[in-house]
C-alpha atoms as a PDB file:
ATOM      1  CA  MET A   1       9.907 -38.975  -8.553  1.00  0.00           C
ATOM      2  CA  ARG A   2       6.180 -39.163  -9.210  1.00  0.00           C
ATOM      3  CA  LEU A   3       5.599 -36.073  -7.092  1.00  0.00           C
ATOM      4  CA  ILE A   4       7.632 -33.811  -9.369  1.00  0.00           C
ATOM      5  CA  PRO A   5       5.313 -33.895 -12.438  1.00  0.00           C
ATOM      6  CA  ARG A   6       2.302 -33.461 -10.155  1.00  0.00           C
ATOM      7  CA  CYS A   7       3.868 -30.429  -8.530  1.00  0.00           C
ATOM      8  CA  ARG A   8       4.674 -28.973 -11.914  1.00  0.00           C
ATOM      9  CA  ARG A   9       1.092 -29.455 -13.077  1.00  0.00           C
ATOM     10  CA  ALA A  10      -0.218 -27.862  -9.892  1.00  0.00           C
ATOM     11  CA  LEU A  11       2.084 -24.867 -10.287  1.00  0.00           C
ATOM     12  CA  ALA A  12       1.089 -24.490 -13.932  1.00  0.00           C
ATOM     13  CA  LEU A  13      -2.583 -24.503 -12.960  1.00  0.00           C
ATOM     14  CA  LEU A  14      -1.957 -21.970 -10.205  1.00  0.00           C
ATOM     15  CA  ALA A  15      -0.130 -19.691 -12.640  1.00  0.00           C
ATOM     16  CA  LEU A  16      -3.050 -19.903 -15.061  1.00  0.00           C
ATOM     17  CA  LEU A  17      -5.555 -19.051 -12.354  1.00  0.00           C
ATOM     18  CA  LEU A  18      -3.488 -16.129 -11.123  1.00  0.00           C
ATOM     19  CA  ALA A  19      -2.609 -14.728 -14.556  1.00  0.00           C
ATOM     20  CA  PRO A  20      -5.612 -12.422 -15.065  1.00  0.00           C
ATOM     21  CA  ALA A  21      -5.434 -11.203 -11.482  1.00  0.00           C
ATOM     22  CA  ALA A  22      -1.753 -10.358 -11.890  1.00  0.00           C
ATOM     23  CA  LEU A  23      -2.464  -8.265 -14.962  1.00  0.00           C
ATOM     24  CA  ALA A  24      -5.588  -6.553 -13.622  1.00  0.00           C
ATOM     25  CA  HIS A  25      -4.026  -5.831 -10.203  1.00  0.00           C
ATOM     26  CA  ASP A  26      -3.652  -2.124  -9.567  1.00  0.00           C
ATOM     27  CA  THR A  27      -0.144  -1.010  -8.662  1.00  0.00           C
ATOM     28  CA  TRP A  28      -0.019   2.102  -6.547  1.00  0.00           C
ATOM     29  CA  LEU A  29       2.211   4.341  -4.496  1.00  0.00           C
ATOM     30  CA  ARG A  30       0.775   5.695  -1.232  1.00  0.00           C
ATOM     31  CA  PRO A  31       2.615   7.781   1.369  1.00  0.00           C
ATOM     32  CA  LEU A  32       2.473   6.752   5.003  1.00  0.00           C
ATOM     33  CA  ALA A  33       1.520  10.379   5.729  1.00  0.00           C
ATOM     34  CA  SER A  34       0.118  12.921   3.294  1.00  0.00           C
ATOM     35  CA  HIS A  35       1.839  15.810   5.103  1.00  0.00           C
ATOM     36  CA  GLY A  36       5.446  16.057   6.232  1.00  0.00           C
ATOM     37  CA  SER A  37       8.034  18.461   7.565  1.00  0.00           C
ATOM     38  CA  ALA A  38      10.969  19.950   5.723  1.00  0.00           C
ATOM     39  CA  GLY A  39      14.128  18.100   6.683  1.00  0.00           C
ATOM     40  CA  ALA A  40      12.278  14.852   7.390  1.00  0.00           C
ATOM     41  CA  THR A  41      12.254  11.578   5.475  1.00  0.00           C
ATOM     42  CA  LEU A  42       9.001  10.671   3.767  1.00  0.00           C
ATOM     43  CA  ARG A  43       7.980   7.063   3.248  1.00  0.00           C
ATOM     44  CA  ALA A  44       5.590   5.631   0.701  1.00  0.00           C
ATOM     45  CA  HIS A  45       4.350   2.094   0.112  1.00  0.00           C
ATOM     46  CA  LEU A  46       4.656   0.642  -3.392  1.00  0.00           C
ATOM     47  CA  THR A  47       2.361  -2.365  -3.747  1.00  0.00           C
ATOM     48  CA  SER A  48      -0.035  -4.212  -6.049  1.00  0.00           C
ATOM     49  CA  GLY A  49      -3.454  -5.498  -5.084  1.00  0.00           C
ATOM     50  CA  MET A  50      -7.119  -5.946  -5.933  1.00  0.00           C
ATOM     51  CA  ALA A  51      -8.521  -4.057  -2.938  1.00  0.00           C
ATOM     52  CA  PHE A  52      -7.003  -0.564  -2.662  1.00  0.00           C
ATOM     53  CA  PRO A  53      -5.693   0.623  -0.213  1.00  0.00           C
ATOM     54  CA  VAL A  54      -4.967  -2.793   1.324  1.00  0.00           C
ATOM     55  CA  LEU A  55      -1.315  -3.738   0.905  1.00  0.00           C
ATOM     56  CA  ASP A  56      -1.048  -7.043  -0.915  1.00  0.00           C
ATOM     57  CA  TYR A  57       1.910  -7.826  -3.155  1.00  0.00           C
ATOM     58  CA  ALA A  58       5.343  -6.284  -2.618  1.00  0.00           C
ATOM     59  CA  ILE A  59       7.030  -4.975  -5.760  1.00  0.00           C
ATOM     60  CA  LYS A  60      10.583  -6.214  -6.113  1.00  0.00           C
ATOM     61  CA  ARG A  61      13.208  -3.505  -6.306  1.00  0.00           C
ATOM     62  CA  SER A  62      14.616  -5.153  -9.430  1.00  0.00           C
ATOM     63  CA  ARG A  63      11.359  -4.330 -11.259  1.00  0.00           C
ATOM     64  CA  LEU A  64      11.872  -0.593 -10.851  1.00  0.00           C
ATOM     65  CA  ALA A  65      12.863   1.208 -14.029  1.00  0.00           C
ATOM     66  CA  ARG A  66      12.326   4.635 -12.474  1.00  0.00           C
ATOM     67  CA  ALA A  67      11.764   6.043  -8.993  1.00  0.00           C
ATOM     68  CA  ASP A  68      12.128   9.751  -8.291  1.00  0.00           C
ATOM     69  CA  VAL A  69      10.729  12.702  -6.408  1.00  0.00           C
ATOM     70  CA  ARG A  70      10.175  16.262  -7.627  1.00  0.00           C
ATOM     71  CA  LEU A  71      10.269  18.982  -4.976  1.00  0.00           C
ATOM     72  CA  ALA A  72      10.638  22.738  -5.386  1.00  0.00           C
ATOM     73  CA  GLY A  73      11.585  22.320  -9.039  1.00  0.00           C
ATOM     74  CA  ALA A  74      14.331  19.743  -8.435  1.00  0.00           C
ATOM     75  CA  VAL A  75      14.032  16.074  -9.414  1.00  0.00           C
ATOM     76  CA  THR A  76      16.127  13.508  -7.531  1.00  0.00           C
ATOM     77  CA  LYS A  77      16.280   9.738  -7.778  1.00  0.00           C
ATOM     78  CA  VAL A  78      15.016   7.617  -4.912  1.00  0.00           C
ATOM     79  CA  THR A  79      17.901   5.487  -3.645  1.00  0.00           C
ATOM     80  CA  SER A  80      16.620   4.147  -0.325  1.00  0.00           C
ATOM     81  CA  PHE A  81      14.190   1.215  -0.251  1.00  0.00           C
ATOM     82  CA  GLU A  82      12.827  -0.876   2.626  1.00  0.00           C
ATOM     83  CA  PRO A  83      11.462  -4.273   1.514  1.00  0.00           C
ATOM     84  CA  ALA A  84       8.531  -5.676   3.487  1.00  0.00           C
ATOM     85  CA  LYS A  85       6.161  -8.613   3.112  1.00  0.00           C
ATOM     86  CA  ARG A  86       3.411  -6.714   1.302  1.00  0.00           C
ATOM     87  CA  SER A  87       5.090  -3.582  -0.013  1.00  0.00           C
ATOM     88  CA  LEU A  88       8.335  -1.988  -1.041  1.00  0.00           C
ATOM     89  CA  THR A  89       8.742   1.212   0.964  1.00  0.00           C
ATOM     90  CA  LEU A  90      10.456   4.195  -0.644  1.00  0.00           C
ATOM     91  CA  ALA A  91      12.328   6.441   1.805  1.00  0.00           C
ATOM     92  CA  VAL A  92      12.669   9.985   0.504  1.00  0.00           C
ATOM     93  CA  PRO A  93      14.513  12.853   2.262  1.00  0.00           C
ATOM     94  CA  VAL A  94      12.778  16.207   1.734  1.00  0.00           C
ATOM     95  CA  PRO A  95      15.127  19.089   2.601  1.00  0.00           C
ATOM     96  CA  ARG A  96      12.729  21.947   1.853  1.00  0.00           C
ATOM     97  CA  ALA A  97       9.055  22.894   1.749  1.00  0.00           C
ATOM     98  CA  GLY A  98       6.912  22.277  -1.310  1.00  0.00           C
ATOM     99  CA  ILE A  99       4.632  19.790  -3.021  1.00  0.00           C
ATOM    100  CA  ALA A 100       6.551  16.520  -3.362  1.00  0.00           C
ATOM    101  CA  THR A 101       5.560  14.413  -6.369  1.00  0.00           C
ATOM    102  CA  LEU A 102       6.756  10.807  -6.171  1.00  0.00           C
ATOM    103  CA  ALA A 103       6.727   8.802  -9.412  1.00  0.00           C
ATOM    104  CA  VAL A 104       7.684   5.233 -10.265  1.00  0.00           C
ATOM    105  CA  ALA A 105       7.722   3.115 -13.422  1.00  0.00           C
ATOM    106  CA  LEU A 106       8.129  -0.653 -13.502  1.00  0.00           C
ATOM    107  CA  ALA A 107      10.005  -2.464 -16.234  1.00  0.00           C
ATOM    108  CA  PRO A 108       7.806  -4.120 -18.883  1.00  0.00           C
ATOM    109  CA  ALA A 109       6.518  -7.642 -18.251  1.00  0.00           C
ATOM    110  CA  THR A 110       4.645 -10.102 -20.474  1.00  0.00           C
ATOM    111  CA  LEU A 111       1.718 -12.322 -19.593  1.00  0.00           C
ATOM    112  CA  GLU A 112      -0.704 -14.639 -21.407  1.00  0.00           C
ATOM    113  CA  LEU A 113      -4.413 -15.098 -20.669  1.00  0.00           C
ATOM    114  CA  ASP A 114      -6.737 -17.817 -21.832  1.00  0.00           C
ATOM    115  CA  GLU A 115     -10.033 -16.977 -23.519  1.00  0.00           C
ATOM    116  CA  ALA A 116     -12.098 -17.543 -20.376  1.00  0.00           C
ATOM    117  CA  HIS A 117     -10.423 -14.657 -18.556  1.00  0.00           C
ATOM    118  CA  VAL A 118     -10.228 -12.028 -21.291  1.00  0.00           C
ATOM    119  CA  VAL A 119     -13.745 -10.602 -20.832  1.00  0.00           C
ATOM    120  CA  GLU A 120     -13.250 -10.324 -17.063  1.00  0.00           C
ATOM    121  CA  TYR A 121      -9.998  -8.473 -17.601  1.00  0.00           C
ATOM    122  CA  LEU A 122     -11.457  -6.031 -20.150  1.00  0.00           C
ATOM    123  CA  ASP A 123     -14.427  -5.329 -17.859  1.00  0.00           C
ATOM    124  CA  GLU A 124     -12.052  -4.527 -15.022  1.00  0.00           C
ATOM    125  CA  ILE A 125     -10.156  -1.883 -17.011  1.00  0.00           C
ATOM    126  CA  GLY A 126     -13.250  -0.468 -18.754  1.00  0.00           C
ATOM    127  CA  LEU A 127     -12.269  -1.423 -22.307  1.00  0.00           C
ATOM    128  CA  THR A 128     -14.773  -4.161 -23.146  1.00  0.00           C
ATOM    129  CA  GLU A 129     -16.713  -2.110 -25.687  1.00  0.00           C
ATOM    130  CA  GLN A 130     -13.620  -0.954 -27.579  1.00  0.00           C
ATOM    131  CA  VAL A 131     -11.525  -4.108 -27.516  1.00  0.00           C
ATOM    132  CA  LEU A 132     -13.765  -7.163 -27.219  1.00  0.00           C
ATOM    133  CA  PRO A 133     -15.116  -6.971 -30.815  1.00  0.00           C
ATOM    134  CA  LEU A 134     -11.525  -7.071 -32.111  1.00  0.00           C
ATOM    135  CA  TRP A 135     -10.707 -10.002 -29.885  1.00  0.00           C
ATOM    136  CA  GLN A 136     -13.788 -11.968 -30.936  1.00  0.00           C
ATOM    137  CA  LYS A 137     -12.651 -11.880 -34.568  1.00  0.00           C
ATOM    138  CA  GLU A 138      -9.614 -13.974 -33.679  1.00  0.00           C
ATOM    139  CA  PRO A 139      -9.505 -17.741 -34.431  1.00  0.00           C
ATOM    140  CA  ALA A 140     -11.139 -20.135 -31.981  1.00  0.00           C
ATOM    141  CA  THR A 141      -7.693 -21.163 -30.656  1.00  0.00           C
ATOM    142  CA  ARG A 142      -6.850 -17.588 -29.724  1.00  0.00           C
ATOM    143  CA  ARG A 143      -4.801 -16.683 -26.672  1.00  0.00           C
ATOM    144  CA  TRP A 144      -4.146 -13.246 -25.312  1.00  0.00           C
ATOM    145  CA  LYS A 145      -0.509 -12.196 -25.006  1.00  0.00           C
ATOM    146  CA  GLU A 146       0.245  -8.770 -23.566  1.00  0.00           C
ATOM    147  CA  THR A 147       3.351  -6.796 -22.636  1.00  0.00           C
ATOM    148  CA  TYR A 148       2.530  -4.229 -19.978  1.00  0.00           C
ATOM    149  CA  ARG A 149       4.081  -1.469 -17.887  1.00  0.00           C
ATOM    150  CA  LYS A 150       2.889  -0.319 -14.473  1.00  0.00           C
ATOM    151  CA  LEU A 151       3.247   3.386 -13.594  1.00  0.00           C
ATOM    152  CA  ALA A 152       2.316   5.151 -10.366  1.00  0.00           C
ATOM    153  CA  LYS A 153       2.578   8.466  -8.579  1.00  0.00           C
ATOM    154  CA  THR A 154       1.463  10.228  -5.425  1.00  0.00           C
ATOM    155  CA  PHE A 155       1.966  13.481  -3.522  1.00  0.00           C
ATOM    156  CA  VAL A 156       3.036  14.773  -0.113  1.00  0.00           C
ATOM    157  CA  ARG A 157       2.656  18.299   1.212  1.00  0.00           C
ATOM    158  CA  VAL A 158       5.969  19.246   2.808  1.00  0.00           C
ATOM    159  CA  GLY A 159       5.876  22.098   5.311  1.00  0.00           C
ATOM    160  CA  GLU A 160       4.183  25.231   3.982  1.00  0.00           C
ATOM    161  CA  PRO A 161       4.634  25.357   0.193  1.00  0.00           C
ATOM    162  CA  ALA A 162       4.805  28.731  -1.492  1.00  0.00           C
ATOM    163  CA  ALA A 163       1.471  30.016  -2.768  1.00  0.00           C
ATOM    164  CA  SER A 164       2.891  29.858  -6.275  1.00  0.00           C
ATOM    165  CA  ASP A 165       3.797  26.145  -6.009  1.00  0.00           C
ATOM    166  CA  ALA A 166       1.503  24.446  -8.534  1.00  0.00           C
ATOM    167  CA  SER A 167       3.902  21.588  -9.251  1.00  0.00           C
ATOM    168  CA  GLY A 168       1.368  18.984  -8.151  1.00  0.00           C
ATOM    169  CA  GLN A 169      -0.732  20.004 -11.147  1.00  0.00           C
ATOM    170  CA  GLU A 170       2.134  19.510 -13.583  1.00  0.00           C
ATOM    171  CA  PRO A 171       3.047  16.251 -15.388  1.00  0.00           C
ATOM    172  CA  ALA A 172       5.787  14.122 -13.862  1.00  0.00           C
ATOM    173  CA  GLY A 173       6.833  12.817 -17.277  1.00  0.00           C
ATOM    174  CA  LEU A 174       5.472   9.277 -17.034  1.00  0.00           C
ATOM    175  CA  PRO A 175       4.566   7.667 -20.393  1.00  0.00           C
ATOM    176  CA  LEU A 176       0.944   7.557 -19.247  1.00  0.00           C
ATOM    177  CA  GLU A 177      -0.198   9.631 -16.302  1.00  0.00           C
ATOM    178  CA  LEU A 178      -3.106  11.292 -14.588  1.00  0.00           C
ATOM    179  CA  VAL A 179      -2.637  14.958 -13.729  1.00  0.00           C
ATOM    180  CA  PRO A 180      -4.943  16.732 -11.227  1.00  0.00           C
ATOM    181  CA  GLU A 181      -6.202  20.196 -12.101  1.00  0.00           C
ATOM    182  CA  ALA A 182      -6.242  21.280  -8.443  1.00  0.00           C
ATOM    183  CA  ASP A 183      -3.703  21.043  -5.641  1.00  0.00           C
ATOM    184  CA  PRO A 184      -3.708  17.279  -4.887  1.00  0.00           C
ATOM    185  CA  THR A 185      -2.606  17.892  -1.283  1.00  0.00           C
ATOM    186  CA  ALA A 186      -5.498  20.238  -0.467  1.00  0.00           C
ATOM    187  CA  LEU A 187      -8.524  18.179  -1.533  1.00  0.00           C
ATOM    188  CA  ARG A 188     -11.482  17.876   0.832  1.00  0.00           C
ATOM    189  CA  THR A 189     -14.699  15.935   0.998  1.00  0.00           C
ATOM    190  CA  GLY A 190     -17.330  17.585  -1.190  1.00  0.00           C
ATOM    191  CA  ASP A 191     -14.807  18.873  -3.701  1.00  0.00           C
ATOM    192  CA  SER A 192     -15.106  18.068  -7.375  1.00  0.00           C
ATOM    193  CA  VAL A 193     -11.779  17.325  -8.995  1.00  0.00           C
ATOM    194  CA  ALA A 194     -10.861  17.082 -12.661  1.00  0.00           C
ATOM    195  CA  VAL A 195      -7.955  14.919 -13.774  1.00  0.00           C
ATOM    196  CA  ARG A 196      -6.382  14.802 -17.217  1.00  0.00           C
ATOM    197  CA  LEU A 197      -5.029  11.648 -18.782  1.00  0.00           C
ATOM    198  CA  LEU A 198      -1.843  12.265 -20.754  1.00  0.00           C
ATOM    199  CA  LYS A 199       0.078   9.933 -23.026  1.00  0.00           C
ATOM    200  CA  ASP A 200       3.590  11.180 -23.715  1.00  0.00           C
ATOM    201  CA  GLY A 201       2.375  14.606 -22.638  1.00  0.00           C
ATOM    202  CA  ALA A 202      -0.665  14.745 -24.968  1.00  0.00           C
ATOM    203  CA  ALA A 203      -4.302  14.439 -23.921  1.00  0.00           C
ATOM    204  CA  LEU A 204      -5.767  10.947 -24.321  1.00  0.00           C
ATOM    205  CA  PRO A 205      -9.529  11.023 -25.048  1.00  0.00           C
ATOM    206  CA  ARG A 206     -12.175   8.277 -24.801  1.00  0.00           C
ATOM    207  CA  ILE A 207     -10.370   6.236 -22.143  1.00  0.00           C
ATOM    208  CA  ALA A 208     -12.014   5.017 -18.935  1.00  0.00           C
ATOM    209  CA  VAL A 209     -10.590   6.485 -15.730  1.00  0.00           C
ATOM    210  CA  ALA A 210     -11.468   4.720 -12.478  1.00  0.00           C
ATOM    211  CA  ALA A 211     -11.805   6.407  -9.087  1.00  0.00           C
ATOM    212  CA  VAL A 212     -11.470   3.967  -6.181  1.00  0.00           C
ATOM    213  CA  ASN A 213     -12.440   4.773  -2.606  1.00  0.00           C
ATOM    214  CA  GLY A 214     -13.914   2.676   0.181  1.00  0.00           C
ATOM    215  CA  GLY A 215     -14.221  -0.395  -2.005  1.00  0.00           C
ATOM    216  CA  LYS A 216     -16.236   1.462  -4.654  1.00  0.00           C
ATOM    217  CA  ARG A 217     -14.882   1.788  -8.207  1.00  0.00           C
ATOM    218  CA  THR A 218     -16.392   4.495 -10.453  1.00  0.00           C
ATOM    219  CA  LEU A 219     -15.543   4.762 -14.160  1.00  0.00           C
ATOM    220  CA  VAL A 220     -15.657   8.025 -16.131  1.00  0.00           C
ATOM    221  CA  THR A 221     -14.607   8.293 -19.788  1.00  0.00           C
ATOM    222  CA  THR A 222     -12.240  11.108 -20.683  1.00  0.00           C
ATOM    223  CA  ASP A 223     -13.498  13.862 -22.978  1.00  0.00           C
ATOM    224  CA  ALA A 224     -11.796  15.249 -26.081  1.00  0.00           C
ATOM    225  CA  GLU A 225      -9.234  17.002 -23.867  1.00  0.00           C
ATOM    226  CA  GLY A 226      -8.451  13.870 -21.866  1.00  0.00           C
ATOM    227  CA  ARG A 227     -10.358  15.160 -18.846  1.00  0.00           C
ATOM    228  CA  ALA A 228     -12.522  13.241 -16.375  1.00  0.00           C
ATOM    229  CA  ARG A 229     -14.261  14.813 -13.370  1.00  0.00           C
ATOM    230  CA  PHE A 230     -15.092  13.149 -10.055  1.00  0.00           C
ATOM    231  CA  ALA A 231     -17.000  14.165  -6.912  1.00  0.00           C
ATOM    232  CA  LEU A 232     -15.034  13.372  -3.773  1.00  0.00           C
ATOM    233  CA  GLY A 233     -17.802  12.063  -1.551  1.00  0.00           C
ATOM    234  CA  ALA A 234     -15.742  10.692   1.333  1.00  0.00           C
ATOM    235  CA  PRO A 235     -12.474  11.374   3.148  1.00  0.00           C
ATOM    236  CA  GLY A 236      -9.505   9.056   3.007  1.00  0.00           C
ATOM    237  CA  PRO A 237      -7.270   7.657   0.284  1.00  0.00           C
ATOM    238  CA  TRP A 238      -8.465   7.862  -3.316  1.00  0.00           C
ATOM    239  CA  MET A 239      -6.833   6.121  -6.232  1.00  0.00           C
ATOM    240  CA  PHE A 240      -7.377   7.135  -9.846  1.00  0.00           C
ATOM    241  CA  ALA A 241      -6.406   4.585 -12.484  1.00  0.00           C
ATOM    242  CA  ALA A 242      -6.387   4.243 -16.264  1.00  0.00           C
ATOM    243  CA  THR A 243      -5.122   1.803 -18.886  1.00  0.00           C
ATOM    244  CA  ASP A 244      -3.962   2.463 -22.428  1.00  0.00           C
ATOM    245  CA  LEU A 245      -4.263  -0.821 -24.329  1.00  0.00           C
ATOM    246  CA  ARG A 246      -2.891  -1.145 -27.866  1.00  0.00           C
ATOM    247  CA  ARG A 247      -2.822  -3.932 -30.433  1.00  0.00           C
ATOM    248  CA  ARG A 248       0.471  -4.718 -32.162  1.00  0.00           C
ATOM    249  CA  ALA A 249       0.831  -5.622 -35.823  1.00  0.00           C
ATOM    250  CA  ASP A 250       1.579  -9.232 -34.897  1.00  0.00           C
ATOM    251  CA  GLY A 251      -1.751  -9.606 -33.063  1.00  0.00           C
ATOM    252  CA  THR A 252      -0.328  -9.358 -29.531  1.00  0.00           C
ATOM    253  CA  TRP A 253      -1.102  -6.485 -27.170  1.00  0.00           C
ATOM    254  CA  GLU A 254       0.795  -3.891 -25.192  1.00  0.00           C
ATOM    255  CA  SER A 255      -0.406  -1.593 -22.458  1.00  0.00           C
ATOM    256  CA  ASP A 256       0.399   1.013 -19.869  1.00  0.00           C
ATOM    257  CA  PHE A 257      -1.357   0.981 -16.482  1.00  0.00           C
ATOM    258  CA  THR A 258      -1.154   4.207 -14.502  1.00  0.00           C
ATOM    259  CA  THR A 259      -2.390   5.185 -11.039  1.00  0.00           C
ATOM    260  CA  MET A 260      -2.453   8.359  -8.964  1.00  0.00           C
ATOM    261  CA  VAL A 261      -3.160   8.353  -5.225  1.00  0.00           C
ATOM    262  CA  VAL A 262      -4.324  11.367  -3.223  1.00  0.00           C
ATOM    263  CA  GLU A 263      -5.500  11.798   0.347  1.00  0.00           C
ATOM    264  CA  VAL A 264      -8.831  13.603   0.780  1.00  0.00           C
ATOM    265  CA  GLN A 265      -9.293  15.449   4.055  1.00  0.00           C
ATOM    266  CA  ALA A 266     -12.612  15.800   5.857  1.00  0.00           C
ATOM    267  CA  ALA A 267     -14.606  18.947   5.059  1.00  0.00           C
ATOM    268  CA  ARG A 268     -14.037  21.840   7.428  1.00  0.00           C
END
């Protein structure tokens, strides 16, 4: 009987240590292949982790509030999922050519952080300057309570899309999303790409957008039109991420985390 309280204390301590990591983890969607054939089934990993693109924590299917694919103007729900140890794989039939945009939204979750981890968390999402002064005005016994949503999208080039297919540069309708201003399936090393951060379809200025590639994380603040520009200096998977953090009237916080993954090809 004495082991039970000890185990509970150990689990409580573990939960406290993991709490900031769980909130600051990026959640992303990455296809197994960035190009596919019409009539095939595309697969994409949905995972959370601290070291993109390494698969780390599998998202449970029950957390999904939305999972769909837009192709050639038609949006269909994703209904096939393949659970694995470190990811949830979405299986998506693609009957025709075009730019496939896969989008997911997780149901809201709530987490608490202690004071020691708040600064680390705000540094990670690039909001220390805007948010920390508000937090420091709280009483000495303050704790951070936040309700958050994780949103993600990615793209696959299916067959030979029509020259007029610019759907990859159009919003997918996520509450918070990053939208590329160039074909996301045709990016190459040396390109410069602009992305726009939209909240409910409107530009969101003065928010840090991170570009992650090869273990390097670069932050750029969006301009008045919600735009941030990045130089693509290396081939491989790139993840762009942003967080919209808001304070509620009761002193708690709410947020949306959004990511966009593209595959950059080597320069010709």
